[in-house]
Structures are given as C-alpha cells and as structure tokens.
Amino acid sequence: MADISDLPMLHDIDADYAPQYVKLARILREKIESGQYRRGDTLAAADLAGQYKVSVPVTCSALAMLAANRYVGRPGPFRSYLVIWQAGA
C-alpha cells in the first residue's frame, strides 16, 4: 500500500488530490464497515499516525470527520476515539 502522503504524478488523470485527512478517513471508514475495527475498539490518534505515516493533527482531523459521520465517538476531550458504528444500524 502506498503511503497516504505520496504525491500524485503530474498530469495523472486518476490521481486522488483529496487532503490527507480525507484519504485516511476513507481508509478507516472502510476498515470499520468491513469489520476490521469493531464497535468498542479504540482508535488512538498517535498509533494511527505512525501506522499510516501521517501527522497526529492529520489523524485527529480524520477521526473528527468520522465522528461527524457517526462512525466513531469520543467519551471525553482527552480520550481516544471509540468505534460506535454498527453494521445494519
């Protein structure tokens, strides 16, 4: 898998010019929907940042986007996000 931070080649018609946090949110959403991350699993921003080779602020923005779309929730301001999405819900 290519790093999220890899830049597309000039004039690549199939390139994805979405911001890094949107790309990461899509990846995490797919993993949640496929069951790789299950309801109640913890998603720590620092761990995800290292795994996907992006900054912690990028990861936090991706998780905030997922929270806005009710895939994850956060029990407190200094706590990790938890998967709250459930298939068929």
C-alpha atoms as a PDB file:
ATOM      1  CA  MET A   1       0.000   0.000   0.000  1.00  0.00           C
ATOM      2  CA  ALA A   2       1.326   3.422  -0.867  1.00  0.00           C
ATOM      3  CA  ASP A   3       1.754   5.948   1.896  1.00  0.00           C
ATOM      4  CA  ILE A   4      -1.056   8.417   2.246  1.00  0.00           C
ATOM      5  CA  SER A   5       1.480  11.210   1.892  1.00  0.00           C
ATOM      6  CA  ASP A   6       2.681  10.058  -1.551  1.00  0.00           C
ATOM      7  CA  LEU A   7       2.107  12.801  -4.079  1.00  0.00           C
ATOM      8  CA  PRO A   8       0.424  12.029  -7.406  1.00  0.00           C
ATOM      9  CA  MET A   9       2.427  12.293 -10.595  1.00  0.00           C
ATOM     10  CA  LEU A  10       1.933  15.434 -12.655  1.00  0.00           C
ATOM     11  CA  HIS A  11      -0.957  15.082 -15.147  1.00  0.00           C
ATOM     12  CA  ASP A  12      -2.126  11.764 -13.633  1.00  0.00           C
ATOM     13  CA  ILE A  13      -5.804  11.691 -14.528  1.00  0.00           C
ATOM     14  CA  ASP A  14      -6.528   9.017 -11.886  1.00  0.00           C
ATOM     15  CA  ALA A  15      -4.750  10.859  -9.076  1.00  0.00           C
ATOM     16  CA  ASP A  16      -6.556  11.463  -5.812  1.00  0.00           C
ATOM     17  CA  TYR A  17      -5.993  15.092  -4.833  1.00  0.00           C
ATOM     18  CA  ALA A  18      -8.051  14.845  -1.643  1.00  0.00           C
ATOM     19  CA  PRO A  19      -6.365  16.089   1.547  1.00  0.00           C
ATOM     20  CA  GLN A  20      -4.508  13.510   3.644  1.00  0.00           C
ATOM     21  CA  TYR A  21      -7.099  13.550   6.396  1.00  0.00           C
ATOM     22  CA  VAL A  22      -9.881  12.730   3.910  1.00  0.00           C
ATOM     23  CA  LYS A  23      -7.869   9.831   2.478  1.00  0.00           C
ATOM     24  CA  LEU A  24      -7.212   8.494   5.979  1.00  0.00           C
ATOM     25  CA  ALA A  25     -10.879   8.895   6.962  1.00  0.00           C
ATOM     26  CA  ARG A  26     -11.876   6.860   3.888  1.00  0.00           C
ATOM     27  CA  ILE A  27      -9.408   4.098   4.785  1.00  0.00           C
ATOM     28  CA  LEU A  28     -10.593   3.952   8.391  1.00  0.00           C
ATOM     29  CA  ARG A  29     -14.260   4.043   7.342  1.00  0.00           C
ATOM     30  CA  GLU A  30     -13.689   1.073   5.045  1.00  0.00           C
ATOM     31  CA  LYS A  31     -11.989  -0.841   7.873  1.00  0.00           C
ATOM     32  CA  ILE A  32     -14.876  -0.065  10.215  1.00  0.00           C
ATOM     33  CA  GLU A  33     -17.508  -1.075   7.647  1.00  0.00           C
ATOM     34  CA  SER A  34     -15.634  -4.296   6.792  1.00  0.00           C
ATOM     35  CA  GLY A  35     -15.405  -5.301  10.451  1.00  0.00           C
ATOM     36  CA  GLN A  36     -11.634  -4.929  10.844  1.00  0.00           C
ATOM     37  CA  TYR A  37     -12.417  -2.367  13.528  1.00  0.00           C
ATOM     38  CA  ARG A  38     -15.440  -3.367  15.593  1.00  0.00           C
ATOM     39  CA  ARG A  39     -17.837  -1.488  17.810  1.00  0.00           C
ATOM     40  CA  GLY A  40     -15.989  -0.557  21.016  1.00  0.00           C
ATOM     41  CA  ASP A  41     -12.475  -0.742  19.529  1.00  0.00           C
ATOM     42  CA  THR A  42     -10.176   2.127  20.497  1.00  0.00           C
ATOM     43  CA  LEU A  43      -8.612   4.245  17.746  1.00  0.00           C
ATOM     44  CA  ALA A  44      -5.664   6.173  19.201  1.00  0.00           C
ATOM     45  CA  ALA A  45      -4.530   9.084  17.020  1.00  0.00           C
ATOM     46  CA  ALA A  46      -0.818   8.618  17.771  1.00  0.00           C
ATOM     47  CA  ASP A  47      -0.925   4.912  16.884  1.00  0.00           C
ATOM     48  CA  LEU A  48      -2.795   5.544  13.632  1.00  0.00           C
ATOM     49  CA  ALA A  49      -0.430   8.390  12.709  1.00  0.00           C
ATOM     50  CA  GLY A  50       2.554   6.066  13.000  1.00  0.00           C
ATOM     51  CA  GLN A  51       0.835   3.255  11.146  1.00  0.00           C
ATOM     52  CA  TYR A  52      -0.195   5.428   8.192  1.00  0.00           C
ATOM     53  CA  LYS A  53       2.858   7.728   8.229  1.00  0.00           C
ATOM     54  CA  VAL A  54       0.925  10.950   8.704  1.00  0.00           C
ATOM     55  CA  SER A  55       0.992  13.591  11.438  1.00  0.00           C
ATOM     56  CA  VAL A  56      -1.139  13.406  14.561  1.00  0.00           C
ATOM     57  CA  PRO A  57      -3.133  16.527  13.529  1.00  0.00           C
ATOM     58  CA  VAL A  58      -3.991  14.824  10.205  1.00  0.00           C
ATOM     59  CA  THR A  59      -5.145  11.760  12.117  1.00  0.00           C
ATOM     60  CA  CYS A  60      -7.194  13.880  14.531  1.00  0.00           C
ATOM     61  CA  SER A  61      -8.903  15.592  11.600  1.00  0.00           C
ATOM     62  CA  ALA A  62      -9.719  12.209  10.032  1.00  0.00           C
ATOM     63  CA  LEU A  63     -11.157  10.942  13.313  1.00  0.00           C
ATOM     64  CA  ALA A  64     -13.188  14.148  13.739  1.00  0.00           C
ATOM     65  CA  MET A  65     -14.622  13.612  10.254  1.00  0.00           C
ATOM     66  CA  LEU A  66     -15.558  10.041  11.174  1.00  0.00           C
ATOM     67  CA  ALA A  67     -17.123  11.297  14.420  1.00  0.00           C
ATOM     68  CA  ALA A  68     -19.215  13.816  12.473  1.00  0.00           C
ATOM     69  CA  ASN A  69     -20.480  10.905  10.383  1.00  0.00           C
ATOM     70  CA  ARG A  70     -21.156   8.724  13.469  1.00  0.00           C
ATOM     71  CA  TYR A  71     -18.530   6.065  12.836  1.00  0.00           C
ATOM     72  CA  VAL A  72     -16.567   6.887  15.982  1.00  0.00           C
ATOM     73  CA  GLY A  73     -17.256   8.701  19.225  1.00  0.00           C
ATOM     74  CA  ARG A  74     -15.146  10.218  21.954  1.00  0.00           C
ATOM     75  CA  PRO A  75     -16.055   9.808  25.633  1.00  0.00           C
ATOM     76  CA  GLY A  76     -14.039  12.865  26.689  1.00  0.00           C
ATOM     77  CA  PRO A  77     -11.765  15.585  25.302  1.00  0.00           C
ATOM     78  CA  PHE A  78      -8.542  13.817  26.266  1.00  0.00           C
ATOM     79  CA  ARG A  79      -9.662  10.269  25.469  1.00  0.00           C
ATOM     80  CA  SER A  80      -9.139   8.122  22.370  1.00  0.00           C
ATOM     81  CA  TYR A  81     -11.940   7.701  19.884  1.00  0.00           C
ATOM     82  CA  LEU A  82     -14.052   4.534  20.035  1.00  0.00           C
ATOM     83  CA  VAL A  83     -15.778   2.827  17.132  1.00  0.00           C
ATOM     84  CA  ILE A  84     -19.535   3.305  17.603  1.00  0.00           C
ATOM     85  CA  TRP A  85     -20.734   2.287  14.120  1.00  0.00           C
ATOM     86  CA  GLN A  86     -22.584  -0.995  13.854  1.00  0.00           C
ATOM     87  CA  ALA A  87     -23.483  -2.806  10.647  1.00  0.00           C
ATOM     88  CA  GLY A  88     -27.166  -2.564   9.804  1.00  0.00           C
ATOM     89  CA  ALA A  89     -27.743   0.283  12.233  1.00  0.00           C
END
